[in-house]
Amino acid sequence: MNQGIEPELIDGVIKNKIEYPEWEVSTAARPFKHNEDPLQPNRVKVVVSKKGRALYFSRSLIPFPRNPINHPIYLHLGIYAYERDFLLRFATLPRSILEDVESLEQLRVLENDFNIGVYLTDDSLPGVDTPEDLKTITELFKQKNMLK
């Protein structure tokens, strides 16, 4: 029985961290699906460099589509890989301005000039950030006979 997080996602985040040791943190993202609202502030967006490094995370729509776009908007998936030493160092860093404004701890990492690599995947289960999300995932699990 699937417990909610795909093994491929875990493997990808760990592989990213191993392949790019200069990235202090590894995380994951996927394109928004057609039935998901990227304007929803509980859905964190991430902009990724050509080499796969996170440039910024936001609760707002990024990049802002001033002109029509034909590239995906990435939904950040809340999974991380990092080494123990970095976690200990991160815990000593004061909260950052961007972190306080967006209420996103990963911005403390970026604002202190550390790197976050992003493993891109095409699919993942939806996140559970609100009571409505819980209803949605519960129904999905029931449909797939993963929950009784």
N, C-alpha and C. Protein backbone atom coordinates (compact mmCIF):
# COMPACT_ATOMS: atom_id res chain seq x y z
N MET A 1 0.84 -1.18 0.00
CA MET A 1 0.00 0.00 0.00
C MET A 1 0.88 1.25 0.00
N ASN A 2 0.57 2.18 -0.85
CA ASN A 2 1.30 3.44 -0.95
C ASN A 2 1.00 4.28 0.29
N GLN A 3 2.02 4.81 0.91
CA GLN A 3 1.86 5.61 2.11
C GLN A 3 1.77 7.10 1.80
N GLY A 4 1.74 7.49 0.53
CA GLY A 4 1.51 8.89 0.19
C GLY A 4 2.63 9.60 -0.52
N ILE A 5 3.86 9.10 -0.43
CA ILE A 5 4.95 9.75 -1.15
C ILE A 5 5.60 8.70 -2.06
N GLU A 6 5.81 9.07 -3.27
CA GLU A 6 6.31 8.15 -4.26
C GLU A 6 7.80 7.86 -4.06
N PRO A 7 8.20 6.59 -4.11
CA PRO A 7 9.62 6.25 -3.99
C PRO A 7 10.48 6.95 -5.05
N GLU A 8 9.96 7.12 -6.25
CA GLU A 8 10.69 7.80 -7.33
C GLU A 8 11.03 9.22 -6.94
N LEU A 9 10.14 9.86 -6.21
CA LEU A 9 10.38 11.23 -5.77
C LEU A 9 11.50 11.28 -4.74
N ILE A 10 11.47 10.38 -3.79
CA ILE A 10 12.53 10.30 -2.78
C ILE A 10 13.86 10.00 -3.45
N ASP A 11 13.88 9.02 -4.34
CA ASP A 11 15.11 8.66 -5.04
C ASP A 11 15.67 9.84 -5.85
N GLY A 12 14.78 10.57 -6.52
CA GLY A 12 15.22 11.70 -7.35
C GLY A 12 15.84 12.81 -6.53
N VAL A 13 15.24 13.12 -5.40
CA VAL A 13 15.77 14.19 -4.53
C VAL A 13 17.13 13.77 -3.97
N ILE A 14 17.26 12.52 -3.55
CA ILE A 14 18.53 12.04 -3.00
C ILE A 14 19.60 11.99 -4.10
N LYS A 15 19.23 11.51 -5.28
CA LYS A 15 20.18 11.44 -6.40
C LYS A 15 20.69 12.84 -6.75
N ASN A 16 19.79 13.81 -6.76
CA ASN A 16 20.16 15.21 -7.03
C ASN A 16 21.18 15.71 -6.01
N LYS A 17 20.95 15.39 -4.75
CA LYS A 17 21.86 15.84 -3.69
C LYS A 17 23.23 15.20 -3.84
N ILE A 18 23.27 13.93 -4.22
CA ILE A 18 24.54 13.22 -4.40
C ILE A 18 25.29 13.72 -5.63
N GLU A 19 24.57 13.93 -6.74
CA GLU A 19 25.20 14.37 -7.99
C GLU A 19 25.71 15.80 -7.93
N TYR A 20 25.10 16.62 -7.09
CA TYR A 20 25.48 18.03 -6.99
C TYR A 20 25.81 18.36 -5.53
N PRO A 21 26.97 17.93 -5.06
CA PRO A 21 27.31 18.16 -3.64
C PRO A 21 27.43 19.65 -3.29
N GLU A 22 27.62 20.51 -4.29
CA GLU A 22 27.70 21.95 -4.02
C GLU A 22 26.33 22.53 -3.66
N TRP A 23 25.27 21.79 -3.91
CA TRP A 23 23.93 22.21 -3.50
C TRP A 23 23.71 21.72 -2.07
N GLU A 24 23.56 22.64 -1.17
CA GLU A 24 23.39 22.28 0.24
C GLU A 24 22.08 21.54 0.50
N VAL A 25 21.08 21.83 -0.32
CA VAL A 25 19.75 21.25 -0.14
C VAL A 25 19.25 20.75 -1.49
N SER A 26 18.48 19.69 -1.46
CA SER A 26 17.79 19.20 -2.65
C SER A 26 16.31 19.10 -2.33
N THR A 27 15.47 19.48 -3.27
CA THR A 27 14.03 19.40 -3.10
C THR A 27 13.42 18.97 -4.42
N ALA A 28 12.11 19.08 -4.57
CA ALA A 28 11.45 18.62 -5.79
C ALA A 28 10.33 19.57 -6.19
N ALA A 29 9.99 19.50 -7.46
CA ALA A 29 8.88 20.29 -8.00
C ALA A 29 8.31 19.55 -9.21
N ARG A 30 7.11 19.94 -9.56
CA ARG A 30 6.48 19.42 -10.77
C ARG A 30 5.62 20.51 -11.38
N PRO A 31 5.32 20.39 -12.67
CA PRO A 31 4.43 21.39 -13.27
C PRO A 31 3.04 21.32 -12.64
N PHE A 32 2.40 22.47 -12.55
CA PHE A 32 1.01 22.49 -12.11
C PHE A 32 0.17 21.71 -13.12
N LYS A 33 -0.81 21.00 -12.61
CA LYS A 33 -1.75 20.28 -13.46
C LYS A 33 -2.87 21.21 -13.88
N HIS A 34 -3.57 20.84 -14.94
CA HIS A 34 -4.62 21.71 -15.49
C HIS A 34 -5.74 22.02 -14.49
N ASN A 35 -5.96 21.12 -13.53
CA ASN A 35 -7.05 21.34 -12.57
C ASN A 35 -6.56 21.98 -11.26
N GLU A 36 -5.33 22.44 -11.23
CA GLU A 36 -4.77 23.08 -10.04
C GLU A 36 -4.62 24.58 -10.28
N ASP A 37 -4.88 25.34 -9.25
CA ASP A 37 -4.84 26.79 -9.35
C ASP A 37 -3.50 27.34 -8.86
N PRO A 38 -2.64 27.80 -9.77
CA PRO A 38 -1.35 28.34 -9.33
C PRO A 38 -1.47 29.66 -8.58
N LEU A 39 -2.64 30.27 -8.58
CA LEU A 39 -2.84 31.51 -7.83
C LEU A 39 -3.11 31.24 -6.36
N GLN A 40 -3.39 30.00 -6.00
CA GLN A 40 -3.67 29.60 -4.62
C GLN A 40 -2.39 29.79 -3.78
N PRO A 41 -2.42 30.63 -2.75
CA PRO A 41 -1.20 30.91 -1.97
C PRO A 41 -0.67 29.72 -1.17
N ASN A 42 -1.49 28.71 -0.91
CA ASN A 42 -1.00 27.52 -0.22
C ASN A 42 -0.19 26.61 -1.14
N ARG A 43 -0.19 26.90 -2.42
CA ARG A 43 0.60 26.15 -3.39
C ARG A 43 1.86 26.96 -3.70
N VAL A 44 2.98 26.52 -3.15
CA VAL A 44 4.23 27.26 -3.30
C VAL A 44 4.81 27.01 -4.68
N LYS A 45 5.18 28.10 -5.33
CA LYS A 45 5.78 28.04 -6.66
C LYS A 45 7.30 28.20 -6.54
N VAL A 46 8.01 27.61 -7.51
CA VAL A 46 9.46 27.74 -7.55
C VAL A 46 9.89 28.02 -8.98
N VAL A 47 10.86 28.90 -9.11
CA VAL A 47 11.49 29.18 -10.40
C VAL A 47 12.85 28.50 -10.36
N VAL A 48 13.17 27.78 -11.44
CA VAL A 48 14.36 26.94 -11.48
C VAL A 48 15.28 27.39 -12.61
N SER A 49 16.59 27.41 -12.33
CA SER A 49 17.58 27.77 -13.35
C SER A 49 17.71 26.65 -14.37
N LYS A 50 18.41 26.94 -15.44
CA LYS A 50 18.64 25.93 -16.49
C LYS A 50 19.39 24.71 -15.97
N LYS A 51 20.21 24.91 -14.94
CA LYS A 51 20.96 23.80 -14.37
C LYS A 51 20.22 23.09 -13.23
N GLY A 52 19.00 23.56 -12.91
CA GLY A 52 18.20 22.88 -11.91
C GLY A 52 18.30 23.43 -10.50
N ARG A 53 18.81 24.65 -10.36
CA ARG A 53 18.94 25.26 -9.05
C ARG A 53 17.77 26.21 -8.82
N ALA A 54 17.23 26.20 -7.60
CA ALA A 54 16.12 27.09 -7.27
C ALA A 54 16.59 28.54 -7.29
N LEU A 55 15.85 29.38 -7.99
CA LEU A 55 16.14 30.81 -8.01
C LEU A 55 15.29 31.55 -6.99
N TYR A 56 14.04 31.11 -6.82
CA TYR A 56 13.14 31.75 -5.86
C TYR A 56 11.92 30.87 -5.63
N PHE A 57 11.35 30.99 -4.44
CA PHE A 57 10.10 30.34 -4.07
C PHE A 57 9.11 31.43 -3.70
N SER A 58 7.83 31.23 -4.00
CA SER A 58 6.84 32.23 -3.64
C SER A 58 5.46 31.62 -3.51
N ARG A 59 4.65 32.29 -2.70
CA ARG A 59 3.24 31.94 -2.63
C ARG A 59 2.48 32.63 -3.77
N SER A 60 3.11 33.63 -4.36
CA SER A 60 2.53 34.34 -5.51
C SER A 60 2.91 33.63 -6.80
N LEU A 61 2.27 34.02 -7.86
CA LEU A 61 2.56 33.43 -9.16
C LEU A 61 3.91 33.94 -9.65
N ILE A 62 4.86 33.02 -9.84
CA ILE A 62 6.16 33.37 -10.40
C ILE A 62 6.52 32.36 -11.47
N PRO A 63 7.13 32.76 -12.53
CA PRO A 63 7.29 34.16 -12.92
C PRO A 63 5.93 34.76 -13.29
N PHE A 64 5.83 36.06 -13.13
CA PHE A 64 4.59 36.74 -13.48
C PHE A 64 4.42 36.72 -14.99
N PRO A 65 3.30 36.22 -15.50
CA PRO A 65 3.12 36.11 -16.95
C PRO A 65 2.68 37.43 -17.59
N ARG A 66 3.61 38.35 -17.71
CA ARG A 66 3.29 39.64 -18.34
C ARG A 66 2.84 39.43 -19.78
N ASN A 67 3.47 38.47 -20.43
CA ASN A 67 3.11 38.07 -21.79
C ASN A 67 2.73 36.60 -21.73
N PRO A 68 1.99 36.12 -22.73
CA PRO A 68 1.63 34.70 -22.73
C PRO A 68 2.89 33.82 -22.62
N ILE A 69 2.79 32.77 -21.83
CA ILE A 69 3.93 31.88 -21.63
C ILE A 69 3.60 30.49 -22.14
N ASN A 70 4.64 29.78 -22.53
CA ASN A 70 4.42 28.39 -22.95
C ASN A 70 5.38 27.46 -22.20
N HIS A 71 5.74 27.84 -20.99
CA HIS A 71 6.56 26.97 -20.16
C HIS A 71 5.80 26.72 -18.86
N PRO A 72 6.12 25.63 -18.20
CA PRO A 72 5.35 25.29 -16.99
C PRO A 72 5.63 26.21 -15.82
N ILE A 73 4.64 26.30 -14.97
CA ILE A 73 4.80 26.92 -13.65
C ILE A 73 4.98 25.76 -12.71
N TYR A 74 6.05 25.80 -11.90
CA TYR A 74 6.39 24.65 -11.07
C TYR A 74 5.84 24.77 -9.65
N LEU A 75 5.22 23.69 -9.22
CA LEU A 75 4.71 23.54 -7.87
C LEU A 75 5.79 22.90 -7.02
N HIS A 76 6.18 23.58 -5.94
CA HIS A 76 7.18 23.02 -5.03
C HIS A 76 6.56 21.88 -4.24
N LEU A 77 7.28 20.77 -4.16
CA LEU A 77 6.86 19.62 -3.38
C LEU A 77 7.69 19.61 -2.10
N GLY A 78 7.06 19.55 -0.97
CA GLY A 78 7.73 19.75 0.32
C GLY A 78 8.56 18.58 0.81
N ILE A 79 9.52 18.18 0.03
CA ILE A 79 10.46 17.13 0.43
C ILE A 79 11.86 17.71 0.29
N TYR A 80 12.73 17.39 1.26
CA TYR A 80 14.08 17.95 1.25
C TYR A 80 15.11 16.87 1.57
N ALA A 81 16.30 17.04 1.02
CA ALA A 81 17.47 16.24 1.39
C ALA A 81 18.60 17.22 1.68
N TYR A 82 19.30 16.98 2.77
CA TYR A 82 20.45 17.80 3.14
C TYR A 82 21.30 17.00 4.10
N GLU A 83 22.52 17.43 4.26
CA GLU A 83 23.42 16.75 5.19
C GLU A 83 23.24 17.34 6.59
N ARG A 84 23.55 16.56 7.58
CA ARG A 84 23.39 16.93 8.98
C ARG A 84 24.07 18.26 9.30
N ASP A 85 25.30 18.43 8.80
CA ASP A 85 26.04 19.67 9.11
C ASP A 85 25.30 20.90 8.61
N PHE A 86 24.70 20.78 7.42
CA PHE A 86 23.95 21.94 6.91
C PHE A 86 22.72 22.21 7.78
N LEU A 87 22.02 21.18 8.19
CA LEU A 87 20.84 21.36 9.03
C LEU A 87 21.22 22.07 10.34
N LEU A 88 22.33 21.66 10.93
CA LEU A 88 22.78 22.32 12.16
C LEU A 88 23.12 23.79 11.91
N ARG A 89 23.75 24.06 10.77
CA ARG A 89 24.09 25.45 10.43
C ARG A 89 22.82 26.27 10.15
N PHE A 90 21.90 25.68 9.41
CA PHE A 90 20.64 26.35 9.09
C PHE A 90 19.91 26.77 10.37
N ALA A 91 19.91 25.89 11.36
CA ALA A 91 19.21 26.17 12.62
C ALA A 91 19.79 27.37 13.36
N THR A 92 21.03 27.75 13.06
CA THR A 92 21.65 28.90 13.72
C THR A 92 21.41 30.21 12.98
N LEU A 93 20.93 30.13 11.75
CA LEU A 93 20.71 31.33 10.95
C LEU A 93 19.45 32.05 11.44
N PRO A 94 19.51 33.37 11.56
CA PRO A 94 18.30 34.09 11.95
C PRO A 94 17.28 34.06 10.81
N ARG A 95 16.02 34.17 11.18
CA ARG A 95 14.96 34.24 10.15
C ARG A 95 15.30 35.39 9.21
N SER A 96 15.02 35.20 7.94
CA SER A 96 15.35 36.23 6.96
C SER A 96 14.13 37.09 6.64
N ILE A 97 14.38 38.21 6.00
CA ILE A 97 13.30 39.12 5.61
C ILE A 97 12.35 38.43 4.65
N LEU A 98 12.90 37.80 3.61
CA LEU A 98 12.05 37.12 2.63
C LEU A 98 11.26 35.98 3.27
N GLU A 99 11.90 35.25 4.16
CA GLU A 99 11.22 34.17 4.87
C GLU A 99 10.02 34.71 5.64
N ASP A 100 10.20 35.84 6.32
CA ASP A 100 9.10 36.43 7.08
C ASP A 100 7.98 36.93 6.17
N VAL A 101 8.36 37.54 5.05
CA VAL A 101 7.35 38.08 4.13
C VAL A 101 6.51 36.97 3.52
N GLU A 102 7.15 35.91 3.03
CA GLU A 102 6.44 34.83 2.32
C GLU A 102 6.03 33.68 3.25
N SER A 103 6.60 33.64 4.44
CA SER A 103 6.40 32.54 5.38
C SER A 103 6.84 31.22 4.74
N LEU A 104 8.07 31.25 4.20
CA LEU A 104 8.68 30.09 3.54
C LEU A 104 10.12 29.95 4.03
N GLU A 105 10.39 28.90 4.80
CA GLU A 105 11.72 28.72 5.40
C GLU A 105 12.82 28.51 4.37
N GLN A 106 12.48 27.99 3.19
CA GLN A 106 13.52 27.76 2.18
C GLN A 106 14.12 29.08 1.67
N LEU A 107 13.41 30.17 1.86
CA LEU A 107 13.97 31.47 1.46
C LEU A 107 15.12 31.89 2.37
N ARG A 108 15.14 31.41 3.59
CA ARG A 108 16.28 31.66 4.48
C ARG A 108 17.54 31.04 3.88
N VAL A 109 17.38 29.88 3.29
CA VAL A 109 18.52 29.20 2.65
C VAL A 109 19.04 30.06 1.50
N LEU A 110 18.15 30.48 0.61
CA LEU A 110 18.56 31.27 -0.56
C LEU A 110 19.10 32.64 -0.15
N GLU A 111 18.46 33.28 0.81
CA GLU A 111 18.88 34.62 1.20
C GLU A 111 20.26 34.62 1.87
N ASN A 112 20.66 33.47 2.39
CA ASN A 112 21.99 33.33 2.99
C ASN A 112 22.99 32.72 2.01
N ASP A 113 22.67 32.78 0.73
CA ASP A 113 23.56 32.37 -0.37
C ASP A 113 23.90 30.89 -0.39
N PHE A 114 22.99 30.06 0.09
CA PHE A 114 23.14 28.61 -0.07
C PHE A 114 22.31 28.19 -1.28
N ASN A 115 22.61 27.02 -1.79
CA ASN A 115 21.96 26.53 -3.01
C ASN A 115 20.95 25.44 -2.70
N ILE A 116 19.84 25.50 -3.43
CA ILE A 116 18.83 24.46 -3.36
C ILE A 116 18.66 23.90 -4.77
N GLY A 117 18.98 22.63 -4.93
CA GLY A 117 18.76 21.96 -6.20
C GLY A 117 17.33 21.47 -6.27
N VAL A 118 16.75 21.44 -7.47
CA VAL A 118 15.37 21.03 -7.64
C VAL A 118 15.28 19.85 -8.59
N TYR A 119 14.80 18.74 -8.06
CA TYR A 119 14.51 17.57 -8.88
C TYR A 119 13.14 17.78 -9.50
N LEU A 120 13.09 17.78 -10.83
CA LEU A 120 11.82 17.98 -11.53
C LEU A 120 11.21 16.64 -11.90
N THR A 121 9.95 16.48 -11.59
CA THR A 121 9.20 15.28 -11.92
C THR A 121 7.94 15.70 -12.66
N ASP A 122 7.34 14.76 -13.34
CA ASP A 122 6.13 15.08 -14.09
C ASP A 122 4.87 14.91 -13.27
N ASP A 123 4.95 14.12 -12.21
CA ASP A 123 3.73 13.82 -11.46
C ASP A 123 4.06 13.56 -10.00
N SER A 124 3.10 13.77 -9.16
CA SER A 124 3.17 13.43 -7.74
C SER A 124 1.77 13.56 -7.18
N LEU A 125 1.57 12.98 -6.04
CA LEU A 125 0.29 13.15 -5.36
C LEU A 125 0.14 14.60 -4.92
N PRO A 126 -1.09 15.07 -4.80
CA PRO A 126 -1.28 16.46 -4.35
C PRO A 126 -0.84 16.63 -2.91
N GLY A 127 -0.41 17.83 -2.58
CA GLY A 127 -0.01 18.15 -1.22
C GLY A 127 -1.23 18.33 -0.33
N VAL A 128 -1.03 18.23 0.95
CA VAL A 128 -2.11 18.43 1.92
C VAL A 128 -1.73 19.61 2.81
N ASP A 129 -2.28 20.78 2.49
CA ASP A 129 -1.97 22.00 3.21
C ASP A 129 -3.19 22.64 3.87
N THR A 130 -4.38 22.19 3.48
CA THR A 130 -5.61 22.78 4.01
C THR A 130 -6.62 21.67 4.29
N PRO A 131 -7.67 21.96 5.04
CA PRO A 131 -8.72 20.94 5.24
C PRO A 131 -9.34 20.47 3.92
N GLU A 132 -9.45 21.37 2.95
CA GLU A 132 -9.98 20.98 1.63
C GLU A 132 -9.04 20.00 0.94
N ASP A 133 -7.73 20.23 1.08
CA ASP A 133 -6.75 19.30 0.51
C ASP A 133 -6.89 17.92 1.13
N LEU A 134 -7.13 17.87 2.43
CA LEU A 134 -7.30 16.59 3.11
C LEU A 134 -8.50 15.84 2.55
N LYS A 135 -9.58 16.55 2.31
CA LYS A 135 -10.78 15.92 1.71
C LYS A 135 -10.44 15.38 0.32
N THR A 136 -9.72 16.16 -0.47
CA THR A 136 -9.37 15.76 -1.82
C THR A 136 -8.50 14.51 -1.82
N ILE A 137 -7.46 14.49 -0.99
CA ILE A 137 -6.55 13.34 -0.97
C ILE A 137 -7.23 12.11 -0.39
N THR A 138 -8.10 12.30 0.59
CA THR A 138 -8.84 11.18 1.16
C THR A 138 -9.72 10.54 0.09
N GLU A 139 -10.41 11.37 -0.69
CA GLU A 139 -11.26 10.84 -1.77
C GLU A 139 -10.41 10.13 -2.83
N LEU A 140 -9.28 10.70 -3.17
CA LEU A 140 -8.38 10.08 -4.15
C LEU A 140 -7.91 8.71 -3.66
N PHE A 141 -7.51 8.63 -2.40
CA PHE A 141 -7.06 7.35 -1.83
C PHE A 141 -8.19 6.34 -1.81
N LYS A 142 -9.42 6.78 -1.52
CA LYS A 142 -10.56 5.87 -1.53
C LYS A 142 -10.82 5.34 -2.95
N GLN A 143 -10.72 6.21 -3.95
CA GLN A 143 -10.92 5.81 -5.34
C GLN A 143 -9.89 4.77 -5.78
N LYS A 144 -8.69 4.86 -5.25
CA LYS A 144 -7.62 3.94 -5.64
C LYS A 144 -7.52 2.75 -4.68
N ASN A 145 -8.54 2.61 -3.82
CA ASN A 145 -8.58 1.53 -2.83
C ASN A 145 -7.34 1.53 -1.94
N MET A 146 -6.84 2.71 -1.62
CA MET A 146 -5.69 2.83 -0.76
C MET A 146 -6.11 3.20 0.66
N LEU A 147 -7.41 3.43 0.84
CA LEU A 147 -7.93 3.82 2.13
C LEU A 147 -9.31 3.19 2.27
N LYS A 148 -9.59 2.70 3.43
CA LYS A 148 -10.90 2.06 3.64
C LYS A 148 -11.82 2.95 4.42
